[in-house]
Amino acid sequence: MNENKPFLLNVNIPKYLSTRNCFLEPLSTDHLQLDYEAVMESKNFLRLWSKSTWPDDHFQLEDNLKDLQNHDWEHQNRIAFTYTILNPGKNQCLGCIYINPNQRITAVTENERILLNQKPGNIRFWLRNSIQNTPKENIIIQELISWFVEVWKLETLLFSCNKQIPEQIELFRNNGLKLWLELQESSRHELLWCIK
């Protein structure tokens, strides 16, 4: 798969989401310090969430800058879309949301690929440790679901989570998402959820 192929979504990509509880805008280098603080607060969770060693114990601000530059480039070139989740005052990063084409999920069976080709993409997100398992986490996911349905007009997008994080599974279930597909590749630990 060509990782730099444009993500063909037949929608106008929203610039932001503003609610009483959060503010979303495309992640860029302008968010460097706020994003870094949220990442480092949540590094143990993020390693499990991402199924990787990221961010490692030696992750520096300069490493985060490279990540943000890459996400910004992908967003500008419509390869994938990453938004920072800020508090309403825009002085604290609450987490991030990533909208990716399903073609980026590579370790799949032939049948899984056929199913994934029926959906335009998937959404992954994380919230910093201090918000996880709080009422605010439920409010934010409800606002995200509404945003994708009402503004993006893409209720067919899938939400993705790692089955090794039971709290996120419970969050999805409690907010009306339905389990759509569990990928068979055991190293992925990936569950895909539909909005409707």
Protein backbone atom coordinates (compact mmCIF):
# COMPACT_ATOMS: atom_id res chain seq x y z
CA MET A 1 0.00 0.00 0.00
CA ASN A 2 1.17 3.52 -0.79
CA GLU A 3 1.15 5.27 2.60
CA ASN A 4 1.17 8.67 0.86
CA LYS A 5 -1.90 8.07 -1.29
CA PRO A 6 -4.66 10.65 -0.61
CA PHE A 7 -7.42 9.51 1.71
CA LEU A 8 -10.48 9.76 -0.54
CA LEU A 9 -13.23 11.01 1.72
CA ASN A 10 -16.04 12.68 -0.20
CA VAL A 11 -16.56 15.33 2.45
CA ASN A 12 -15.25 18.74 3.32
CA ILE A 13 -12.86 18.13 6.20
CA PRO A 14 -13.96 20.26 9.18
CA LYS A 15 -11.41 22.71 10.52
CA TYR A 16 -12.48 22.41 14.15
CA LEU A 17 -15.03 21.30 16.73
CA SER A 18 -15.93 23.64 19.55
CA THR A 19 -18.13 22.54 22.46
CA ARG A 20 -18.53 23.45 26.11
CA ASN A 21 -16.16 20.60 26.98
CA CYS A 22 -13.44 20.58 24.32
CA PHE A 23 -11.97 22.21 21.25
CA LEU A 24 -10.58 20.18 18.34
CA GLU A 25 -8.35 21.53 15.60
CA PRO A 26 -5.77 19.95 13.28
CA LEU A 27 -2.68 18.90 15.21
CA SER A 28 0.33 21.01 14.27
CA THR A 29 3.66 22.16 15.63
CA ASP A 30 1.77 25.00 17.36
CA HIS A 31 0.64 22.35 19.87
CA LEU A 32 4.13 21.01 20.58
CA GLN A 33 4.44 21.73 24.30
CA LEU A 34 0.81 20.97 25.19
CA ASP A 35 0.86 17.71 23.22
CA TYR A 36 4.17 16.64 24.73
CA GLU A 37 2.86 17.17 28.27
CA ALA A 38 -0.22 15.03 27.54
CA VAL A 39 1.85 12.30 25.87
CA MET A 40 4.30 12.08 28.76
CA GLU A 41 1.54 12.01 31.37
CA SER A 42 -0.03 9.09 29.50
CA LYS A 43 3.06 7.25 28.20
CA ASN A 44 2.34 3.89 29.87
CA PHE A 45 -1.23 3.89 28.59
CA LEU A 46 -0.09 4.96 25.10
CA ARG A 47 2.33 2.04 24.81
CA LEU A 48 -0.49 -0.42 25.38
CA TRP A 49 -2.94 1.61 23.25
CA SER A 50 -0.54 1.81 20.29
CA LYS A 51 0.78 -1.75 20.64
CA SER A 52 4.32 -0.33 20.56
CA THR A 53 7.10 1.12 22.70
CA TRP A 54 6.02 4.68 21.81
CA PRO A 55 6.73 6.94 23.59
CA ASP A 56 9.87 5.39 25.04
CA ASP A 57 11.42 6.58 28.29
CA HIS A 58 13.83 8.84 26.40
CA PHE A 59 11.15 10.53 24.25
CA GLN A 60 12.08 14.20 23.98
CA LEU A 61 10.35 17.38 22.82
CA GLU A 62 12.36 17.15 19.57
CA ASP A 63 10.97 13.65 18.95
CA ASN A 64 7.47 14.95 19.47
CA LEU A 65 8.16 17.78 17.03
CA LYS A 66 8.94 15.23 14.29
CA ASP A 67 5.69 13.37 15.05
CA LEU A 68 3.65 16.57 14.86
CA GLN A 69 5.34 17.65 11.62
CA ASN A 70 4.44 14.28 10.09
CA HIS A 71 0.80 14.46 11.23
CA ASP A 72 0.51 18.03 9.96
CA TRP A 73 1.98 17.04 6.57
CA GLU A 74 -0.46 14.12 6.27
CA HIS A 75 -3.37 16.38 7.18
CA GLN A 76 -2.37 19.06 4.67
CA ASN A 77 -1.99 16.44 1.93
CA ARG A 78 -5.18 14.58 2.89
CA ILE A 79 -3.32 11.34 3.63
CA ALA A 80 -4.81 11.04 7.14
CA PHE A 81 -6.35 13.50 9.58
CA THR A 82 -5.15 14.14 13.11
CA TYR A 83 -6.78 16.53 15.55
CA THR A 84 -5.65 17.66 18.94
CA ILE A 85 -8.29 17.62 21.65
CA LEU A 86 -7.89 20.75 23.76
CA ASN A 87 -9.79 22.09 26.74
CA PRO A 88 -12.11 25.02 25.88
CA GLY A 89 -9.44 27.51 27.00
CA LYS A 90 -6.97 25.88 24.55
CA ASN A 91 -4.26 25.79 27.20
CA GLN A 92 -4.28 22.03 27.90
CA CYS A 93 -4.15 19.07 25.54
CA LEU A 94 -6.70 16.43 26.53
CA GLY A 95 -5.63 13.89 23.89
CA CYS A 96 -5.62 13.22 20.15
CA ILE A 97 -7.87 11.75 17.50
CA TYR A 98 -6.65 10.07 14.31
CA ILE A 99 -8.77 9.43 11.19
CA ASN A 100 -7.07 6.93 8.87
CA PRO A 101 -7.99 5.01 5.74
CA ASN A 102 -8.68 1.34 6.39
CA GLN A 103 -5.94 0.45 3.89
CA ARG A 104 -3.45 1.33 6.64
CA ILE A 105 -4.60 -1.78 8.49
CA THR A 106 -2.27 -4.21 6.75
CA ALA A 107 -2.24 -7.45 8.76
CA VAL A 108 -5.65 -8.73 7.70
CA THR A 109 -7.17 -11.79 6.08
CA GLU A 110 -8.67 -11.65 2.60
CA ASN A 111 -12.18 -11.68 4.08
CA GLU A 112 -11.30 -8.89 6.53
CA ARG A 113 -9.97 -6.77 3.64
CA ILE A 114 -13.27 -7.23 1.77
CA LEU A 115 -15.17 -6.08 4.86
CA LEU A 116 -12.82 -3.16 5.54
CA ASN A 117 -13.18 -1.97 1.94
CA GLN A 118 -16.88 -1.40 2.65
CA LYS A 119 -16.02 1.37 5.15
CA PRO A 120 -14.21 4.63 4.40
CA GLY A 121 -11.88 4.68 7.39
CA ASN A 122 -11.33 4.32 11.10
CA ILE A 123 -10.98 6.56 14.11
CA ARG A 124 -8.56 6.04 16.97
CA PHE A 125 -8.27 8.36 19.90
CA TRP A 126 -6.74 8.62 23.31
CA LEU A 127 -7.33 10.90 26.26
CA ARG A 128 -4.76 11.79 28.88
CA ASN A 129 -4.67 9.72 32.06
CA SER A 130 -6.35 12.35 34.23
CA ILE A 131 -9.51 12.21 32.05
CA GLN A 132 -9.78 8.47 31.53
CA ASN A 133 -12.61 6.73 33.40
CA THR A 134 -14.29 10.03 34.29
CA PRO A 135 -17.66 11.48 33.23
CA LYS A 136 -15.73 13.89 30.99
CA GLU A 137 -14.43 10.96 28.92
CA ASN A 138 -18.03 9.90 28.21
CA ILE A 139 -19.01 13.45 27.27
CA ILE A 140 -16.08 13.78 24.87
CA ILE A 141 -16.79 10.51 23.04
CA GLN A 142 -20.46 11.50 22.70
CA GLU A 143 -19.38 14.81 21.18
CA LEU A 144 -16.98 13.02 18.81
CA ILE A 145 -19.68 10.62 17.61
CA SER A 146 -22.07 13.53 17.01
CA TRP A 147 -19.34 15.43 15.14
CA PHE A 148 -18.71 12.57 12.72
CA VAL A 149 -22.42 11.95 12.13
CA GLU A 150 -23.70 15.54 11.96
CA VAL A 151 -20.74 17.50 10.56
CA TRP A 152 -18.61 14.99 8.67
CA LYS A 153 -21.77 13.13 7.53
CA LEU A 154 -19.78 9.92 7.95
CA GLU A 155 -21.65 7.61 10.26
CA THR A 156 -19.98 4.73 8.40
CA LEU A 157 -16.55 5.49 9.91
CA LEU A 158 -15.35 2.86 12.36
CA PHE A 159 -13.96 3.45 15.83
CA SER A 160 -10.93 1.29 16.63
CA CYS A 161 -9.60 0.15 19.98
CA ASN A 162 -7.18 -2.33 21.45
CA LYS A 163 -8.90 -5.27 23.15
CA GLN A 164 -6.20 -5.18 25.82
CA ILE A 165 -7.77 -1.96 27.11
CA PRO A 166 -11.10 -3.08 28.62
CA GLU A 167 -11.88 0.44 29.80
CA GLN A 168 -12.03 1.73 26.22
CA ILE A 169 -14.19 -1.24 25.19
CA GLU A 170 -16.59 -0.38 28.00
CA LEU A 171 -16.52 3.29 26.96
CA PHE A 172 -17.51 2.34 23.41
CA ARG A 173 -20.28 -0.01 24.57
CA ASN A 174 -21.68 2.50 27.05
CA ASN A 175 -21.91 5.13 24.32
CA GLY A 176 -23.83 3.09 21.78
CA LEU A 177 -21.05 1.81 19.52
CA LYS A 178 -21.52 -1.74 18.22
CA LEU A 179 -18.70 -4.24 17.78
CA TRP A 180 -18.36 -4.72 14.01
CA LEU A 181 -15.16 -6.73 13.53
CA GLU A 182 -12.42 -8.30 15.62
CA LEU A 183 -9.28 -8.69 13.54
CA GLN A 184 -7.87 -12.22 13.60
CA GLU A 185 -4.20 -11.18 13.57
CA SER A 186 -3.39 -11.66 17.27
CA SER A 187 -0.59 -9.10 17.33
CA ARG A 188 -3.03 -6.34 16.41
CA HIS A 189 -5.50 -6.90 19.28
CA GLU A 190 -7.82 -4.67 17.27
CA LEU A 191 -11.57 -4.29 17.61
CA LEU A 192 -13.54 -2.16 15.15
CA TRP A 193 -16.81 -0.58 16.18
CA CYS A 194 -19.57 0.97 14.09
CA ILE A 195 -21.65 4.00 14.99
CA LYS A 196 -24.91 2.48 13.72
